[in-house]
PDB file of N, CA and C in Angstrom:
ATOM      1  N   MET A   1       0.819  -1.189   0.000  1.00  0.00           N
ATOM      2  CA  MET A   1       0.000   0.000   0.000  1.00  0.00           C
ATOM      3  C   MET A   1       0.867   1.258   0.000  1.00  0.00           C
ATOM      4  N   THR A   2       2.036   1.183   0.582  1.00  0.00           N
ATOM      5  CA  THR A   2       2.961   2.305   0.565  1.00  0.00           C
ATOM      6  C   THR A   2       3.357   2.651  -0.857  1.00  0.00           C
ATOM      7  N   THR A   3       3.515   1.623  -1.711  1.00  0.00           N
ATOM      8  CA  THR A   3       3.883   1.835  -3.103  1.00  0.00           C
ATOM      9  C   THR A   3       2.823   2.653  -3.826  1.00  0.00           C
ATOM     10  N   VAL A   4       1.550   2.377  -3.567  1.00  0.00           N
ATOM     11  CA  VAL A   4       0.464   3.121  -4.205  1.00  0.00           C
ATOM     12  C   VAL A   4       0.509   4.580  -3.769  1.00  0.00           C
ATOM     13  N   THR A   5       0.721   4.833  -2.492  1.00  0.00           N
ATOM     14  CA  THR A   5       0.805   6.197  -1.983  1.00  0.00           C
ATOM     15  C   THR A   5       1.997   6.916  -2.586  1.00  0.00           C
ATOM     16  N   THR A   6       3.128   6.247  -2.607  1.00  0.00           N
ATOM     17  CA  THR A   6       4.325   6.849  -3.193  1.00  0.00           C
ATOM     18  C   THR A   6       4.112   7.120  -4.674  1.00  0.00           C
ATOM     19  N   THR A   7       3.528   6.172  -5.383  1.00  0.00           N
ATOM     20  CA  THR A   7       3.263   6.349  -6.808  1.00  0.00           C
ATOM     21  C   THR A   7       2.310   7.516  -7.025  1.00  0.00           C
ATOM     22  N   GLY A   8       1.290   7.620  -6.189  1.00  0.00           N
ATOM     23  CA  GLY A   8       0.352   8.743  -6.295  1.00  0.00           C
ATOM     24  C   GLY A   8       1.050  10.065  -6.044  1.00  0.00           C
ATOM     25  N   ALA A   9       1.912  10.107  -5.033  1.00  0.00           N
ATOM     26  CA  ALA A   9       2.661  11.322  -4.724  1.00  0.00           C
ATOM     27  C   ALA A   9       3.616  11.658  -5.865  1.00  0.00           C
ATOM     28  N   GLU A  10       4.293  10.642  -6.380  1.00  0.00           N
ATOM     29  CA  GLU A  10       5.223  10.868  -7.484  1.00  0.00           C
ATOM     30  C   GLU A  10       4.504  11.411  -8.708  1.00  0.00           C
ATOM     31  N   GLN A  11       3.318  10.890  -8.981  1.00  0.00           N
ATOM     32  CA  GLN A  11       2.540  11.376 -10.132  1.00  0.00           C
ATOM     33  C   GLN A  11       2.081  12.809  -9.910  1.00  0.00           C
ATOM     34  N   THR A  12       1.660  13.108  -8.700  1.00  0.00           N
ATOM     35  CA  THR A  12       1.251  14.479  -8.379  1.00  0.00           C
ATOM     36  C   THR A  12       2.404  15.447  -8.593  1.00  0.00           C
ATOM     37  N   ILE A  13       3.579  15.046  -8.111  1.00  0.00           N
ATOM     38  CA  ILE A  13       4.776  15.888  -8.282  1.00  0.00           C
ATOM     39  C   ILE A  13       5.125  16.023  -9.760  1.00  0.00           C
ATOM     40  N   ALA A  14       5.094  14.933 -10.493  1.00  0.00           N
ATOM     41  CA  ALA A  14       5.405  14.971 -11.925  1.00  0.00           C
ATOM     42  C   ALA A  14       4.426  15.876 -12.668  1.00  0.00           C
ATOM     43  N   ASP A  15       3.145  15.773 -12.339  1.00  0.00           N
ATOM     44  CA  ASP A  15       2.134  16.617 -12.977  1.00  0.00           C
ATOM     45  C   ASP A  15       2.367  18.091 -12.648  1.00  0.00           C
ATOM     46  N   ALA A  16       2.673  18.365 -11.379  1.00  0.00           N
ATOM     47  CA  ALA A  16       2.914  19.748 -10.966  1.00  0.00           C
ATOM     48  C   ALA A  16       4.158  20.308 -11.653  1.00  0.00           C
ATOM     49  N   ARG A  17       5.188  19.502 -11.769  1.00  0.00           N
ATOM     50  CA  ARG A  17       6.416  19.959 -12.442  1.00  0.00           C
ATOM     51  C   ARG A  17       6.171  20.228 -13.920  1.00  0.00           C
ATOM     52  N   GLU A  18       5.349  19.406 -14.525  1.00  0.00           N
ATOM     53  CA  GLU A  18       4.998  19.631 -15.934  1.00  0.00           C
ATOM     54  C   GLU A  18       4.269  20.963 -16.079  1.00  0.00           C
ATOM     55  N   ARG A  19       3.371  21.235 -15.165  1.00  0.00           N
ATOM     56  CA  ARG A  19       2.635  22.516 -15.180  1.00  0.00           C
ATOM     57  C   ARG A  19       3.601  23.681 -14.953  1.00  0.00           C
ATOM     58  N   ILE A  20       4.540  23.535 -14.015  1.00  0.00           N
ATOM     59  CA  ILE A  20       5.544  24.578 -13.768  1.00  0.00           C
ATOM     60  C   ILE A  20       6.366  24.829 -15.027  1.00  0.00           C
ATOM     61  N   ASP A  21       6.779  23.763 -15.710  1.00  0.00           N
ATOM     62  CA  ASP A  21       7.552  23.921 -16.945  1.00  0.00           C
ATOM     63  C   ASP A  21       6.754  24.688 -17.997  1.00  0.00           C
ATOM     64  N   ALA A  22       5.469  24.377 -18.113  1.00  0.00           N
ATOM     65  CA  ALA A  22       4.618  25.079 -19.070  1.00  0.00           C
ATOM     66  C   ALA A  22       4.479  26.556 -18.686  1.00  0.00           C
ATOM     67  N   LEU A  23       4.316  26.821 -17.407  1.00  0.00           N
ATOM     68  CA  LEU A  23       4.240  28.209 -16.945  1.00  0.00           C
ATOM     69  C   LEU A  23       5.545  28.942 -17.209  1.00  0.00           C
ATOM     70  N   ASP A  24       6.675  28.287 -16.945  1.00  0.00           N
ATOM     71  CA  ASP A  24       7.974  28.902 -17.206  1.00  0.00           C
ATOM     72  C   ASP A  24       8.130  29.241 -18.689  1.00  0.00           C
ATOM     73  N   ASP A  25       7.677  28.355 -19.562  1.00  0.00           N
ATOM     74  CA  ASP A  25       7.744  28.633 -20.999  1.00  0.00           C
ATOM     75  C   ASP A  25       6.933  29.882 -21.341  1.00  0.00           C
ATOM     76  N   ARG A  26       5.755  30.006 -20.755  1.00  0.00           N
ATOM     77  CA  ARG A  26       4.916  31.186 -20.995  1.00  0.00           C
ATOM     78  C   ARG A  26       5.571  32.438 -20.439  1.00  0.00           C
ATOM     79  N   ILE A  27       6.141  32.351 -19.236  1.00  0.00           N
ATOM     80  CA  ILE A  27       6.806  33.501 -18.622  1.00  0.00           C
ATOM     81  C   ILE A  27       7.981  33.956 -19.487  1.00  0.00           C
ATOM     82  N   ILE A  28       8.785  33.009 -19.944  1.00  0.00           N
ATOM     83  CA  ILE A  28       9.923  33.344 -20.804  1.00  0.00           C
ATOM     84  C   ILE A  28       9.438  34.029 -22.080  1.00  0.00           C
ATOM     85  N   GLY A  29       8.380  33.505 -22.679  1.00  0.00           N
ATOM     86  CA  GLY A  29       7.816  34.126 -23.879  1.00  0.00           C
ATOM     87  C   GLY A  29       7.332  35.545 -23.618  1.00  0.00           C
ATOM     88  N   LEU A  30       6.697  35.760 -22.477  1.00  0.00           N
ATOM     89  CA  LEU A  30       6.224  37.104 -22.134  1.00  0.00           C
ATOM     90  C   LEU A  30       7.390  38.058 -21.878  1.00  0.00           C
ATOM     91  N   ILE A  31       8.435  37.573 -21.254  1.00  0.00           N
ATOM     92  CA  ILE A  31       9.610  38.413 -21.021  1.00  0.00           C
ATOM     93  C   ILE A  31      10.252  38.789 -22.357  1.00  0.00           C
ATOM     94  N   GLN A  32      10.346  37.843 -23.274  1.00  0.00           N
ATOM     95  CA  GLN A  32      10.904  38.144 -24.596  1.00  0.00           C
ATOM     96  C   GLN A  32      10.033  39.165 -25.329  1.00  0.00           C
ATOM     97  N   GLU A  33       8.727  39.036 -25.198  1.00  0.00           N
ATOM     98  CA  GLU A  33       7.818  40.009 -25.811  1.00  0.00           C
ATOM     99  C   GLU A  33       8.017  41.384 -25.173  1.00  0.00           C
ATOM    100  N   ARG A  34       8.160  41.423 -23.842  1.00  0.00           N
ATOM    101  CA  ARG A  34       8.385  42.685 -23.137  1.00  0.00           C
ATOM    102  C   ARG A  34       9.686  43.329 -23.592  1.00  0.00           C
ATOM    103  N   MET A  35      10.726  42.518 -23.798  1.00  0.00           N
ATOM    104  CA  MET A  35      12.006  43.032 -24.266  1.00  0.00           C
ATOM    105  C   MET A  35      11.853  43.707 -25.634  1.00  0.00           C
ATOM    106  N   ALA A  36      11.086  43.088 -26.512  1.00  0.00           N
ATOM    107  CA  ALA A  36      10.879  43.648 -27.847  1.00  0.00           C
ATOM    108  C   ALA A  36      10.109  44.965 -27.784  1.00  0.00           C
ATOM    109  N   VAL A  37       9.088  45.022 -26.955  1.00  0.00           N
ATOM    110  CA  VAL A  37       8.301  46.248 -26.819  1.00  0.00           C
ATOM    111  C   VAL A  37       9.162  47.349 -26.192  1.00  0.00           C
ATOM    112  N   SER A  38       9.956  46.983 -25.201  1.00  0.00           N
ATOM    113  CA  SER A  38      10.845  47.946 -24.563  1.00  0.00           C
ATOM    114  C   SER A  38      11.841  48.517 -25.566  1.00  0.00           C
ATOM    115  N   ALA A  39      12.337  47.682 -26.458  1.00  0.00           N
ATOM    116  CA  ALA A  39      13.276  48.153 -27.484  1.00  0.00           C
ATOM    117  C   ALA A  39      12.624  49.206 -28.371  1.00  0.00           C
ATOM    118  N   VAL A  40      11.360  49.009 -28.708  1.00  0.00           N
ATOM    119  CA  VAL A  40      10.633  49.999 -29.517  1.00  0.00           C
ATOM    120  C   VAL A  40      10.533  51.321 -28.760  1.00  0.00           C
ATOM    121  N   VAL A  41      10.198  51.247 -27.480  1.00  0.00           N
ATOM    122  CA  VAL A  41      10.089  52.463 -26.663  1.00  0.00           C
ATOM    123  C   VAL A  41      11.433  53.191 -26.627  1.00  0.00           C
ATOM    124  N   GLN A  42      12.506  52.443 -26.362  1.00  0.00           N
ATOM    125  CA  GLN A  42      13.834  53.066 -26.282  1.00  0.00           C
ATOM    126  C   GLN A  42      14.243  53.698 -27.612  1.00  0.00           C
ATOM    127  N   GLU A  43      14.052  52.964 -28.695  1.00  0.00           N
ATOM    128  CA  GLU A  43      14.431  53.480 -30.015  1.00  0.00           C
ATOM    129  C   GLU A  43      13.646  54.738 -30.350  1.00  0.00           C
ATOM    130  N   THR A  44      12.359  54.732 -30.048  1.00  0.00           N
ATOM    131  CA  THR A  44      11.510  55.889 -30.334  1.00  0.00           C
ATOM    132  C   THR A  44      11.910  57.074 -29.468  1.00  0.00           C
ATOM    133  N   ARG A  45      12.178  56.818 -28.193  1.00  0.00           N
ATOM    134  CA  ARG A  45      12.580  57.894 -27.283  1.00  0.00           C
ATOM    135  C   ARG A  45      13.891  58.516 -27.745  1.00  0.00           C
ATOM    136  N   ILE A  46      14.870  57.685 -28.103  1.00  0.00           N
ATOM    137  CA  ILE A  46      16.178  58.181 -28.549  1.00  0.00           C
ATOM    138  C   ILE A  46      16.044  58.945 -29.863  1.00  0.00           C
ATOM    139  N   ALA A  47      15.243  58.403 -30.788  1.00  0.00           N
ATOM    140  CA  ALA A  47      15.054  59.060 -32.086  1.00  0.00           C
ATOM    141  C   ALA A  47      14.402  60.428 -31.950  1.00  0.00           C
ATOM    142  N   SER A  48      13.616  60.619 -30.900  1.00  0.00           N
ATOM    143  CA  SER A  48      12.953  61.904 -30.699  1.00  0.00           C
ATOM    144  C   SER A  48      13.753  62.823 -29.775  1.00  0.00           C
ATOM    145  N   GLY A  49      15.013  62.444 -29.503  1.00  0.00           N
ATOM    146  CA  GLY A  49      15.889  63.296 -28.717  1.00  0.00           C
ATOM    147  C   GLY A  49      15.885  63.022 -27.224  1.00  0.00           C
ATOM    148  N   GLY A  50      15.205  61.987 -26.811  1.00  0.00           N
ATOM    149  CA  GLY A  50      15.145  61.665 -25.393  1.00  0.00           C
ATOM    150  C   GLY A  50      16.270  60.740 -24.963  1.00  0.00           C
ATOM    151  N   ARG A  51      16.238  60.407 -23.703  1.00  0.00           N
ATOM    152  CA  ARG A  51      17.247  59.505 -23.142  1.00  0.00           C
ATOM    153  C   ARG A  51      16.782  58.058 -23.290  1.00  0.00           C
ATOM    154  N   ARG A  52      17.733  57.148 -23.255  1.00  0.00           N
ATOM    155  CA  ARG A  52      17.422  55.718 -23.388  1.00  0.00           C
ATOM    156  C   ARG A  52      16.598  55.219 -22.212  1.00  0.00           C
ATOM    157  N   VAL A  53      16.899  55.733 -21.010  1.00  0.00           N
ATOM    158  CA  VAL A  53      16.245  55.271 -19.788  1.00  0.00           C
ATOM    159  C   VAL A  53      15.433  56.409 -19.186  1.00  0.00           C
ATOM    160  N   HIS A  54      14.230  56.084 -18.741  1.00  0.00           N
ATOM    161  CA  HIS A  54      13.344  57.049 -18.086  1.00  0.00           C
ATOM    162  C   HIS A  54      13.212  56.596 -16.633  1.00  0.00           C
ATOM    163  N   LEU A  55      14.008  57.192 -15.741  1.00  0.00           N
ATOM    164  CA  LEU A  55      14.122  56.708 -14.366  1.00  0.00           C
ATOM    165  C   LEU A  55      12.818  56.769 -13.581  1.00  0.00           C
ATOM    166  N   SER A  56      12.000  57.789 -13.781  1.00  0.00           N
ATOM    167  CA  SER A  56      10.740  57.845 -13.029  1.00  0.00           C
ATOM    168  C   SER A  56       9.812  56.701 -13.451  1.00  0.00           C
ATOM    169  N   ARG A  57       9.856  56.333 -14.715  1.00  0.00           N
ATOM    170  CA  ARG A  57       9.062  55.185 -15.188  1.00  0.00           C
ATOM    171  C   ARG A  57       9.578  53.895 -14.557  1.00  0.00           C
ATOM    172  N   GLU A  58      10.886  53.759 -14.468  1.00  0.00           N
ATOM    173  CA  GLU A  58      11.452  52.563 -13.850  1.00  0.00           C
ATOM    174  C   GLU A  58      11.070  52.475 -12.375  1.00  0.00           C
ATOM    175  N   MET A  59      11.013  53.605 -11.704  1.00  0.00           N
ATOM    176  CA  MET A  59      10.595  53.608 -10.293  1.00  0.00           C
ATOM    177  C   MET A  59       9.147  53.142 -10.155  1.00  0.00           C
ATOM    178  N   GLU A  60       8.289  53.533 -11.101  1.00  0.00           N
ATOM    179  CA  GLU A  60       6.899  53.065 -11.105  1.00  0.00           C
ATOM    180  C   GLU A  60       6.854  51.541 -11.232  1.00  0.00           C
ATOM    181  N   ILE A  61       7.664  51.015 -12.134  1.00  0.00           N
ATOM    182  CA  ILE A  61       7.700  49.568 -12.365  1.00  0.00           C
ATOM    183  C   ILE A  61       8.195  48.849 -11.114  1.00  0.00           C
ATOM    184  N   LEU A  62       9.266  49.356 -10.516  1.00  0.00           N
ATOM    185  CA  LEU A  62       9.793  48.754  -9.284  1.00  0.00           C
ATOM    186  C   LEU A  62       8.731  48.743  -8.193  1.00  0.00           C
ATOM    187  N   GLY A  63       8.011  49.844  -8.058  1.00  0.00           N
ATOM    188  CA  GLY A  63       6.947  49.926  -7.055  1.00  0.00           C
ATOM    189  C   GLY A  63       5.829  48.933  -7.309  1.00  0.00           C
ATOM    190  N   ARG A  64       5.454  48.765  -8.555  1.00  0.00           N
ATOM    191  CA  ARG A  64       4.380  47.829  -8.906  1.00  0.00           C
ATOM    192  C   ARG A  64       4.765  46.396  -8.519  1.00  0.00           C
ATOM    193  N   TYR A  65       5.985  46.012  -8.851  1.00  0.00           N
ATOM    194  CA  TYR A  65       6.434  44.657  -8.525  1.00  0.00           C
ATOM    195  C   TYR A  65       6.613  44.466  -7.020  1.00  0.00           C
ATOM    196  N   ARG A  66       7.101  45.485  -6.335  1.00  0.00           N
ATOM    197  CA  ARG A  66       7.275  45.401  -4.878  1.00  0.00           C
ATOM    198  C   ARG A  66       5.922  45.244  -4.192  1.00  0.00           C
ATOM    199  N   GLU A  67       4.932  46.006  -4.641  1.00  0.00           N
ATOM    200  CA  GLU A  67       3.586  45.909  -4.057  1.00  0.00           C
ATOM    201  C   GLU A  67       2.973  44.537  -4.295  1.00  0.00           C
ATOM    202  N   ALA A  68       3.184  43.986  -5.470  1.00  0.00           N
ATOM    203  CA  ALA A  68       2.572  42.699  -5.819  1.00  0.00           C
ATOM    204  C   ALA A  68       3.307  41.509  -5.222  1.00  0.00           C
ATOM    205  N   LEU A  69       4.639  41.598  -5.119  1.00  0.00           N
ATOM    206  CA  LEU A  69       5.431  40.425  -4.745  1.00  0.00           C
ATOM    207  C   LEU A  69       6.282  40.611  -3.491  1.00  0.00           C
ATOM    208  N   GLY A  70       6.203  41.772  -2.868  1.00  0.00           N
ATOM    209  CA  GLY A  70       7.022  42.022  -1.693  1.00  0.00           C
ATOM    210  C   GLY A  70       8.451  42.362  -2.087  1.00  0.00           C
ATOM    211  N   LYS A  71       9.341  42.319  -1.099  1.00  0.00           N
ATOM    212  CA  LYS A  71      10.736  42.701  -1.326  1.00  0.00           C
ATOM    213  C   LYS A  71      11.387  41.937  -2.491  1.00  0.00           C
ATOM    214  N   PRO A  72      11.160  40.621  -2.635  1.00  0.00           N
ATOM    215  CA  PRO A  72      11.757  39.928  -3.786  1.00  0.00           C
ATOM    216  C   PRO A  72      11.252  40.473  -5.124  1.00  0.00           C
ATOM    217  N   GLY A  73      10.078  41.089  -5.124  1.00  0.00           N
ATOM    218  CA  GLY A  73       9.551  41.674  -6.350  1.00  0.00           C
ATOM    219  C   GLY A  73      10.442  42.778  -6.889  1.00  0.00           C
ATOM    220  N   THR A  74      11.070  43.523  -5.963  1.00  0.00           N
ATOM    221  CA  THR A  74      11.977  44.590  -6.384  1.00  0.00           C
ATOM    222  C   THR A  74      13.178  44.003  -7.112  1.00  0.00           C
ATOM    223  N   ALA A  75      13.759  42.956  -6.562  1.00  0.00           N
ATOM    224  CA  ALA A  75      14.909  42.314  -7.207  1.00  0.00           C
ATOM    225  C   ALA A  75      14.509  41.730  -8.561  1.00  0.00           C
ATOM    226  N   PHE A  76      13.337  41.124  -8.610  1.00  0.00           N
ATOM    227  CA  PHE A  76      12.855  40.565  -9.875  1.00  0.00           C
ATOM    228  C   PHE A  76      12.674  41.672 -10.906  1.00  0.00           C
ATOM    229  N   ALA A  77      12.072  42.789 -10.492  1.00  0.00           N
ATOM    230  CA  ALA A  77      11.844  43.906 -11.408  1.00  0.00           C
ATOM    231  C   ALA A  77      13.168  44.488 -11.896  1.00  0.00           C
ATOM    232  N   MET A  78      14.159  44.562 -11.014  1.00  0.00           N
ATOM    233  CA  MET A  78      15.473  45.068 -11.433  1.00  0.00           C
ATOM    234  C   MET A  78      16.071  44.164 -12.506  1.00  0.00           C
ATOM    235  N   THR A  79      15.941  42.864 -12.329  1.00  0.00           N
ATOM    236  CA  THR A  79      16.436  41.918 -13.334  1.00  0.00           C
ATOM    237  C   THR A  79      15.675  42.084 -14.642  1.00  0.00           C
ATOM    238  N   LEU A  80      14.370  42.219 -14.546  1.00  0.00           N
ATOM    239  CA  LEU A  80      13.541  42.409 -15.730  1.00  0.00           C
ATOM    240  C   LEU A  80      13.924  43.694 -16.466  1.00  0.00           C
ATOM    241  N   LEU A  81      14.114  44.766 -15.710  1.00  0.00           N
ATOM    242  CA  LEU A  81      14.516  46.027 -16.339  1.00  0.00           C
ATOM    243  C   LEU A  81      15.879  45.892 -17.019  1.00  0.00           C
ATOM    244  N   GLU A  82      16.796  45.204 -16.369  1.00  0.00           N
ATOM    245  CA  GLU A  82      18.113  44.999 -16.965  1.00  0.00           C
ATOM    246  C   GLU A  82      18.014  44.198 -18.262  1.00  0.00           C
ATOM    247  N   LEU A  83      17.178  43.186 -18.262  1.00  0.00           N
ATOM    248  CA  LEU A  83      16.973  42.418 -19.489  1.00  0.00           C
ATOM    249  C   LEU A  83      16.404  43.277 -20.609  1.00  0.00           C
ATOM    250  N   CYS A  84      15.525  44.186 -20.249  1.00  0.00           N
ATOM    251  CA  CYS A  84      14.802  44.971 -21.263  1.00  0.00           C
ATOM    252  C   CYS A  84      15.557  46.204 -21.734  1.00  0.00           C
ATOM    253  N   ARG A  85      16.423  46.758 -20.917  1.00  0.00           N
ATOM    254  CA  ARG A  85      17.111  47.986 -21.313  1.00  0.00           C
ATOM    255  C   ARG A  85      18.619  47.906 -21.187  1.00  0.00           C
ATOM    256  N   GLY A  86      19.120  46.809 -20.658  1.00  0.00           N
ATOM    257  CA  GLY A  86      20.554  46.685 -20.456  1.00  0.00           C
ATOM    258  C   GLY A  86      20.972  47.339 -19.146  1.00  0.00           C
ATOM    259  N   ARG A  87      22.232  47.170 -18.817  1.00  0.00           N
ATOM    260  CA  ARG A  87      22.758  47.778 -17.584  1.00  0.00           C
ATOM    261  C   ARG A  87      22.892  49.279 -17.783  1.00  0.00           C
ATOM    262  N   ILE A  88      22.641  50.019 -16.702  1.00  0.00           N
ATOM    263  CA  ILE A  88      22.861  51.471 -16.767  1.00  0.00           C
ATOM    264  C   ILE A  88      23.989  51.840 -15.833  1.00  0.00           C
TER     265      ILE A  88
END
């Protein structure tokens, strides 16, 4: 009977991991899409005489992620911003 319980637990874990992998694929796709949109914003801003980075906008983004995810949200948002605009 222990084997059935273990097998059930193993299947639950395998199913959950499969779902996590699918979610990760979607998250990666969304990040890549965000990077492309960010590039358009940067190119347009630079072409119109503006700066590559808009710090007040980045602060808004950091705040949004911090509010939604707590302190780790800030670190995540910083990584996301770096991916989308490069290091400053």
